[in-house]
Every structure is written in C-alpha cells, then in structure tokens.
C-alpha cells in the first residue's frame, strides 16, 4: 500500500483505535514507520484493567504460565495442563470471568479427573490475571479469589467487564505459552 493510500485511509495521518493511544505517522519508509504516540486522559481511562498494555500481554501470560509450572513443580505443560488452559479460554468467552472463578470453587459431585486437572491451572491463571496469587491447593485462597470477583461484579461492573475483556485477550497468550511449553 502506498503512502498516498494510507493518508487517504487515515485522514491527517492519524491512526486512531479504541483503547489505544492516538498515533501520528510522521514518516513511512520501506523498512519502518516512525510514529509519535500521545495519550489523552480519555485513553488512560480506557487502558485494560490492571494497566497492562497490549504489547505486554504476552509477557504477562508467560509469567502466569511460569507461575503455574513453578507451583506444580513441573518444567513442561503436559497434555492435561494444555487442555485445561484451552478449556479456560473457551469458558471465559462463553460464560465469563465470574463463572470461571465459581467453577474453581465448586464443592459438589463434580469431583473427578477433569476437575482435578482443571482447577490448578485455572486458579493460577485467574489469580495471576487479578494480581492475586492463588495457591491452587488452598481452598481458602481460591475462595478469596472468587469473593474478589463477585464483589467486583456487584460494586464495580465496569472494572469487572474490563477484567473479563482482559482475560479473553490474555487467554490467547496463555494458549500460546501453554503450547510452547507442551511436553511431547
């Protein structure tokens, strides 16, 4: 695409996207684009919950996966760990963050192999998402995580929705890093 087409597509050289800083294209060369970013107070309010910028998502997700591996005393994700990460991704998209933390805390007849493999991964990743370290072996720790999300959903729905959106974005990165650490 030529420079002329870009400027007609983005009048004034402005590239604006929701939840992103205003970006002005100063110079386009064959090898790179030199830009200037400005952030308005409105854009600051639209940063993802927890202040994680999009370019940091992969590093944040990597740290969450590393935390799980350290807590579970593993060097790689096994097939069941990977399945649990993929299942969390789907659950977050369909049912939401509140449902995911409630699943981690269920105490009923759903005990079984799937649940035993899922709860450690989910509680670690969801705890990391909310900057609330969660020991997957400690029911009280998982309960506090759930109560935090329930309170957030009731008292600050905007923050809850922002965290839910953040979890869906991070889920793609969790999936990537879980696959990267998958034991053959």
Protein backbone atom coordinates (compact mmCIF):
# COMPACT_ATOMS: atom_id res chain seq x y z
CA UNK A 1 0.00 0.00 0.00
CA UNK A 2 1.42 3.37 -0.92
CA UNK A 3 1.83 6.33 1.40
CA UNK A 4 -0.87 8.15 -0.55
CA UNK A 5 -3.37 5.35 0.11
CA UNK A 6 -2.54 5.34 3.82
CA UNK A 7 -3.14 9.06 4.16
CA UNK A 8 -6.47 8.81 2.34
CA UNK A 9 -7.45 5.87 4.51
CA UNK A 10 -6.43 7.68 7.71
CA UNK A 11 -7.05 11.40 7.17
CA UNK A 12 -4.36 13.66 8.56
CA UNK A 13 -2.02 10.74 9.13
CA UNK A 14 -3.94 9.85 12.31
CA UNK A 15 -4.39 6.20 13.19
CA UNK A 16 -7.00 6.02 15.95
CA UNK A 17 -8.33 2.87 17.52
CA UNK A 18 -10.46 2.35 20.61
CA UNK A 19 -8.47 1.83 23.81
CA UNK A 20 -5.24 2.80 22.09
CA UNK A 21 -3.22 6.00 22.19
CA UNK A 22 -3.53 8.42 19.30
CA UNK A 23 -0.73 7.58 16.89
CA UNK A 24 0.56 10.03 14.31
CA UNK A 25 2.53 8.65 11.40
CA UNK A 26 5.47 11.00 10.90
CA UNK A 27 7.43 9.15 8.23
CA UNK A 28 6.95 5.98 6.24
CA UNK A 29 9.99 4.33 4.69
CA UNK A 30 10.26 0.91 3.04
CA UNK A 31 11.74 -0.64 6.20
CA UNK A 32 9.90 1.06 9.04
CA UNK A 33 7.35 3.60 10.21
CA UNK A 34 8.37 6.33 12.62
CA UNK A 35 5.47 7.30 14.85
CA UNK A 36 4.69 9.58 17.71
CA UNK A 37 2.25 8.41 20.35
CA UNK A 38 0.19 10.69 22.52
CA UNK A 39 -2.13 9.59 25.25
CA UNK A 40 -5.08 11.65 26.39
CA UNK A 41 -6.74 11.31 29.76
CA UNK A 42 -9.65 9.65 28.00
CA UNK A 43 -7.32 6.98 26.60
CA UNK A 44 -5.72 6.49 30.02
CA UNK A 45 -9.15 5.59 31.38
CA UNK A 46 -9.54 3.04 28.60
CA UNK A 47 -6.36 1.09 29.37
CA UNK A 48 -7.11 -2.55 30.09
CA UNK A 49 -7.73 -3.42 33.73
CA UNK A 50 -4.54 -3.73 35.68
CA UNK A 51 -2.82 -1.23 33.39
CA UNK A 52 -1.45 -3.93 31.09
CA UNK A 53 -0.76 -2.54 27.66
CA UNK A 54 -1.42 -4.77 24.64
CA UNK A 55 2.27 -5.22 23.91
CA UNK A 56 2.77 -6.57 27.44
CA UNK A 57 0.11 -9.28 27.20
CA UNK A 58 2.48 -11.98 26.00
CA UNK A 59 4.94 -11.31 28.83
CA UNK A 60 2.17 -11.25 31.42
CA UNK A 61 0.76 -14.55 30.11
CA UNK A 62 4.25 -16.06 30.04
CA UNK A 63 4.68 -15.14 33.72
CA UNK A 64 1.31 -16.73 34.57
CA UNK A 65 2.29 -19.98 32.84
CA UNK A 66 5.70 -19.92 34.58
CA UNK A 67 3.96 -19.41 37.94
CA UNK A 68 1.79 -22.46 37.29
CA UNK A 69 4.80 -24.56 36.31
CA UNK A 70 6.68 -23.49 39.45
CA UNK A 71 3.71 -24.14 41.77
CA UNK A 72 3.08 -27.54 40.20
CA UNK A 73 6.81 -28.36 40.25
CA UNK A 74 6.87 -29.09 36.52
CA UNK A 75 9.20 -27.98 33.75
CA UNK A 76 6.66 -28.53 30.95
CA UNK A 77 2.92 -28.49 30.41
CA UNK A 78 1.52 -31.96 29.93
CA UNK A 79 -1.43 -32.75 27.69
CA UNK A 80 -3.94 -32.32 30.51
CA UNK A 81 -2.48 -28.93 31.51
CA UNK A 82 -2.77 -27.74 27.92
CA UNK A 83 -6.35 -28.99 27.72
CA UNK A 84 -7.17 -27.10 30.92
CA UNK A 85 -5.73 -23.85 29.50
CA UNK A 86 -7.71 -24.30 26.28
CA UNK A 87 -10.85 -25.12 28.26
CA UNK A 88 -10.40 -21.93 30.33
CA UNK A 89 -10.15 -19.88 27.16
CA UNK A 90 -13.43 -21.28 25.87
CA UNK A 91 -15.15 -20.94 29.25
CA UNK A 92 -14.16 -17.28 29.56
CA UNK A 93 -15.53 -16.46 26.10
CA UNK A 94 -18.83 -18.25 26.64
CA UNK A 95 -19.62 -17.93 30.34
CA UNK A 96 -17.41 -15.16 31.71
CA UNK A 97 -14.96 -14.47 34.46
CA UNK A 98 -17.44 -14.86 37.31
CA UNK A 99 -18.42 -18.32 36.11
CA UNK A 100 -14.77 -19.36 35.78
CA UNK A 101 -13.88 -18.43 39.38
CA UNK A 102 -17.10 -20.08 40.58
CA UNK A 103 -16.10 -23.29 38.80
CA UNK A 104 -12.75 -23.24 40.61
CA UNK A 105 -14.64 -23.13 43.91
CA UNK A 106 -17.38 -25.69 43.30
CA UNK A 107 -17.63 -28.27 46.05
CA UNK A 108 -20.04 -30.87 44.81
CA UNK A 109 -20.32 -34.12 42.93
CA UNK A 110 -18.26 -32.71 40.06
CA UNK A 111 -15.09 -34.01 41.67
CA UNK A 112 -13.23 -36.11 39.16
CA UNK A 113 -10.22 -36.28 36.90
CA UNK A 114 -11.20 -33.37 34.66
CA UNK A 115 -11.80 -31.12 37.64
CA UNK A 116 -8.58 -32.23 39.35
CA UNK A 117 -6.62 -31.30 36.23
CA UNK A 118 -8.51 -28.06 35.58
CA UNK A 119 -8.64 -26.35 38.99
CA UNK A 120 -4.86 -25.94 39.49
CA UNK A 121 -4.37 -24.33 36.07
CA UNK A 122 -7.47 -22.15 36.21
CA UNK A 123 -6.89 -20.88 39.75
CA UNK A 124 -3.26 -19.99 38.97
CA UNK A 125 -4.06 -18.17 35.72
CA UNK A 126 -7.11 -16.37 37.10
CA UNK A 127 -5.19 -15.39 40.23
CA UNK A 128 -2.43 -14.01 38.02
CA UNK A 129 -4.96 -12.12 35.92
CA UNK A 130 -6.26 -10.33 39.01
CA UNK A 131 -2.80 -9.88 40.58
CA UNK A 132 -3.95 -12.08 43.42
CA UNK A 133 -1.60 -15.04 43.86
CA UNK A 134 -3.74 -18.11 44.35
CA UNK A 135 -2.42 -21.35 45.78
CA UNK A 136 -4.41 -23.96 43.90
CA UNK A 137 -4.03 -26.40 46.80
CA UNK A 138 -5.61 -23.95 49.26
CA UNK A 139 -9.40 -23.80 49.14
CA UNK A 140 -9.40 -20.57 51.16
CA UNK A 141 -7.14 -18.87 48.62
CA UNK A 142 -9.46 -19.91 45.78
CA UNK A 143 -12.45 -18.72 47.79
CA UNK A 144 -10.88 -15.27 48.29
CA UNK A 145 -10.31 -15.09 44.53
CA UNK A 146 -13.98 -15.83 43.89
CA UNK A 147 -15.18 -13.35 46.52
CA UNK A 148 -12.97 -10.66 44.96
CA UNK A 149 -14.56 -11.20 41.55
CA UNK A 150 -18.10 -11.37 42.98
CA UNK A 151 -17.55 -8.10 44.85
CA UNK A 152 -16.08 -6.50 41.73
CA UNK A 153 -19.06 -7.62 39.61
CA UNK A 154 -21.53 -6.17 42.15
CA UNK A 155 -19.78 -2.97 43.15
CA UNK A 156 -17.82 -2.05 40.05
CA UNK A 157 -19.30 -3.64 36.93
CA UNK A 158 -17.09 -1.55 34.62
CA UNK A 159 -13.96 -2.95 36.29
CA UNK A 160 -15.43 -6.46 36.09
CA UNK A 161 -16.10 -6.08 32.36
CA UNK A 162 -12.60 -4.67 31.80
CA UNK A 163 -11.09 -7.67 33.61
CA UNK A 164 -13.27 -10.06 31.64
CA UNK A 165 -12.12 -8.48 28.37
CA UNK A 166 -8.52 -8.63 29.62
CA UNK A 167 -8.95 -12.33 30.45
CA UNK A 168 -10.20 -13.07 26.94
CA UNK A 169 -7.21 -11.25 25.45
CA UNK A 170 -4.77 -12.99 27.81
CA UNK A 171 -6.37 -16.36 27.07
CA UNK A 172 -4.90 -16.29 23.56
CA UNK A 173 -1.46 -15.71 25.05
CA UNK A 174 -1.97 -18.37 27.74
CA UNK A 175 -2.83 -20.80 24.93
CA UNK A 176 0.31 -19.83 23.03
CA UNK A 177 2.65 -20.24 26.01
CA UNK A 178 0.98 -23.46 27.15
CA UNK A 179 1.59 -24.91 23.68
CA UNK A 180 5.16 -23.60 23.72
CA UNK A 181 5.80 -25.46 26.99
CA UNK A 182 3.89 -28.57 25.94
CA UNK A 183 5.80 -31.75 26.67
CA UNK A 184 5.82 -34.10 23.67
